[in-house]
Protein backbone atom coordinates (compact mmCIF):
# COMPACT_ATOMS: atom_id res chain seq x y z
CA MET A 1 74.64 176.03 217.30
CA PHE A 2 78.36 176.28 216.60
CA HIS A 3 79.94 175.89 213.18
CA LYS A 4 81.20 172.37 212.54
CA ASN A 5 84.87 173.36 212.57
CA ILE A 6 84.46 175.43 215.70
CA LYS A 7 83.15 172.31 217.47
CA LEU A 8 86.37 170.47 216.67
CA VAL A 9 88.52 173.32 217.94
CA ILE A 10 86.57 173.48 221.14
CA ALA A 11 86.91 169.70 221.56
CA ALA A 12 90.63 169.97 221.07
CA LEU A 13 90.97 172.82 223.63
CA ILE A 14 88.85 170.84 226.12
CA THR A 15 91.01 167.80 225.56
CA ALA A 16 94.12 169.81 226.23
CA TRP A 17 92.57 171.02 229.45
CA SER A 18 91.77 167.41 230.37
CA VAL A 19 95.41 166.40 229.76
CA TYR A 20 96.45 169.28 232.04
CA GLU A 21 94.13 168.01 234.78
CA PHE A 22 95.56 164.55 234.38
CA SER A 23 99.09 165.91 234.75
CA LEU A 24 98.12 167.58 238.01
CA GLY A 25 96.82 164.28 239.30
CA HIS A 26 93.18 165.19 239.25
CA ILE A 27 92.00 162.03 237.54
CA MET A 28 88.24 162.51 238.06
CA ASN A 29 88.38 166.08 236.80
CA GLY A 30 90.29 164.88 233.71
CA ILE A 31 87.76 162.18 232.98
CA SER A 32 84.82 164.49 233.39
CA ILE A 33 86.38 167.12 231.18
CA LEU A 34 87.24 164.48 228.61
CA LEU A 35 83.52 163.41 228.51
CA LEU A 36 82.71 167.11 227.85
CA ALA A 37 85.10 167.06 224.87
CA GLY A 38 83.37 163.88 223.66
CA LEU A 39 80.11 165.74 223.70
CA PHE A 40 81.46 168.31 221.18
CA VAL A 41 82.83 165.53 218.97
CA PHE A 42 79.39 163.85 219.04
CA PHE A 43 77.72 167.03 218.00
CA TYR A 44 80.17 167.38 215.19
CA PHE A 45 78.90 164.14 213.65
CA LYS A 46 75.29 164.52 214.81
CA ASN A 47 74.10 168.12 214.55
CA GLU A 48 72.11 169.16 217.60
CA ILE A 49 69.51 171.12 215.59
CA LEU A 50 68.86 168.17 213.31
CA LEU A 51 68.37 165.93 216.29
CA LEU A 52 65.81 168.37 217.73
CA VAL A 53 64.04 168.53 214.37
CA PHE A 54 63.80 164.67 214.31
CA LEU A 55 62.06 164.91 217.69
CA LYS A 56 59.74 167.62 216.47
CA LEU A 57 58.82 165.58 213.45
CA ARG A 58 58.06 162.52 215.54
CA LYS A 59 55.57 164.64 217.45
CA GLN A 60 54.08 165.95 214.21
CA ASP A 61 55.10 169.51 215.09
CA PHE A 62 55.82 170.75 211.60
CA PRO A 63 55.87 174.52 212.44
CA GLY A 64 58.30 173.88 215.26
CA ALA A 65 60.52 171.73 213.10
CA SER A 66 60.45 174.37 210.32
CA ARG A 67 61.49 177.12 212.84
CA LEU A 68 64.41 174.96 213.96
CA LEU A 69 65.53 174.23 210.42
CA ASP A 70 65.41 177.92 209.67
CA LYS A 71 68.08 178.45 212.32
CA ILE A 72 70.62 176.73 209.95
CA LYS A 73 71.46 179.65 207.75
CA ASN A 74 73.86 178.03 205.23
CA PRO A 75 73.59 174.24 205.35
CA SER A 76 76.40 173.64 202.90
CA THR A 77 78.99 175.19 205.10
CA ALA A 78 77.45 174.62 208.61
CA LEU A 79 76.81 170.92 208.16
CA THR A 80 78.79 167.85 206.99
CA GLN A 81 77.63 166.19 203.75
CA LYS A 82 75.48 163.54 205.38
CA GLN A 83 73.93 166.13 207.68
CA GLU A 84 73.05 168.29 204.76
CA GLY A 85 71.42 165.22 203.18
CA TYR A 86 69.21 164.81 206.25
CA TYR A 87 68.53 168.59 206.25
CA ASN A 88 67.17 168.27 202.71
CA LEU A 89 65.26 165.09 203.61
CA MET A 90 63.48 166.93 206.43
CA ARG A 91 62.83 169.97 204.29
CA GLY A 92 61.34 167.65 201.62
CA ILE A 93 59.09 165.95 204.17
CA MET A 94 57.82 169.30 205.40
CA THR A 95 57.23 170.83 201.98
CA SER A 96 55.58 167.64 200.62
CA GLN A 97 52.34 168.82 202.27
CA THR A 98 52.21 172.04 200.22
CA ASN A 99 54.60 172.10 197.22
CA LEU A 100 55.40 168.85 195.46
CA THR A 101 57.90 170.38 192.98
CA GLN A 102 59.96 171.94 195.71
CA SER A 103 59.71 168.76 197.74
CA GLU A 104 60.95 166.67 194.82
CA LYS A 105 64.01 168.97 194.60
CA PHE A 106 64.77 168.46 198.26
CA PHE A 107 64.41 164.69 198.09
CA LYS A 108 66.65 164.42 194.98
CA LYS A 109 69.31 166.57 196.61
CA ALA A 110 69.07 164.48 199.78
CA ILE A 111 69.63 161.32 197.78
CA LYS A 112 72.54 162.90 195.90
CA LEU A 113 74.28 164.03 199.09
CA GLY A 114 73.69 160.66 200.73
CA LEU A 115 71.98 159.39 203.84
CA SER A 116 73.61 157.24 206.46
CA MET A 117 70.92 154.61 206.80
CA ASP A 118 69.37 152.42 204.11
CA HIS A 119 65.81 152.86 205.41
CA ASP A 120 66.17 156.65 205.33
CA LEU A 121 67.34 156.40 201.69
CA ALA A 122 64.38 154.00 201.00
CA MET A 123 61.98 156.50 202.52
CA ALA A 124 63.31 159.33 200.33
CA LYS A 125 63.01 157.16 197.23
CA LEU A 126 59.48 156.13 198.26
CA GLN A 127 58.52 159.76 198.71
CA LEU A 128 59.90 160.49 195.25
CA ALA A 129 57.92 157.58 193.81
CA GLY A 130 54.75 159.04 195.34
CA ILE A 131 55.52 162.41 193.77
CA ALA A 132 56.25 160.73 190.44
CA LEU A 133 52.86 158.97 190.59
CA THR A 134 50.98 162.21 191.23
CA LYS A 135 52.74 163.70 188.23
CA ARG A 136 51.78 160.64 186.09
CA ARG A 137 55.38 159.37 185.61
CA LYS A 138 54.64 155.68 186.11
CA ARG A 139 57.93 154.30 184.78
CA GLU A 140 60.03 156.50 187.11
CA ALA A 141 57.71 155.61 190.07
CA THR A 142 58.18 151.88 189.31
CA SER A 143 61.95 152.06 189.31
CA LEU A 144 61.95 154.12 192.53
CA ILE A 145 59.65 151.68 194.29
CA THR A 146 61.90 148.73 193.35
CA GLU A 147 64.96 150.57 194.64
CA ALA A 148 63.14 151.43 197.83
CA LYS A 149 62.08 147.79 198.26
CA LYS A 150 65.77 146.73 197.90
CA LEU A 151 66.88 149.22 200.46
CA ASP A 152 64.18 148.37 202.95
CA LYS A 153 65.80 145.26 204.45
CA HIS A 154 63.70 145.14 207.66
CA ASN A 155 60.37 145.67 205.86
CA MET A 156 59.70 148.87 207.74
CA LEU A 157 58.13 150.46 204.67
CA ALA A 158 56.30 147.41 203.37
CA ASP A 159 52.82 148.81 203.91
CA GLN A 160 53.67 152.09 202.13
CA ILE A 161 55.19 150.18 199.23
CA LYS A 162 51.97 148.07 198.97
CA GLN A 163 49.85 151.24 198.95
CA LEU A 164 51.92 152.83 196.22
CA LYS A 165 51.72 149.72 194.08
CA MET A 166 47.89 149.71 194.57
CA GLN A 167 47.77 153.35 193.49
CA MET A 168 49.97 152.53 190.49
CA LYS A 169 47.49 149.89 189.34
CA LYS A 170 44.68 152.46 189.41
CA ILE A 171 46.59 154.76 187.05
């Protein structure tokens, strides 16, 4: 809800309050307040709205996830670079049901900005490969599938990769 820099300022102020409590000899108060400061630092690195959107997407609540994403007005200033990548990934997932061209733009921007985990990057590339197949760009789809396969170290997307390869053989 707060801007990313405001979260750090609040964390610094709460940490100063914690140090003050420690100096008074109120150790438990200082520890509790320090944990509160840690919460703001955590939400600096993991945006609270994006975490809620992940939960909505797991429950297949696309309208609710879209409403939450709409609360982020200007993602380039309100989010860190990786968070903006995940923002675009989630926008791409939601628009892939209706508008493939727009979805492709979101996925490409998410890959350009970077994603923290390899399997998320593999999923974005796999989605792009599916879009490329529907647009009859077989060469691009093949390269994206091989990149996704390299990134998927735990074989979480093995079934989807097999399905895309089967579809590619039909084209």
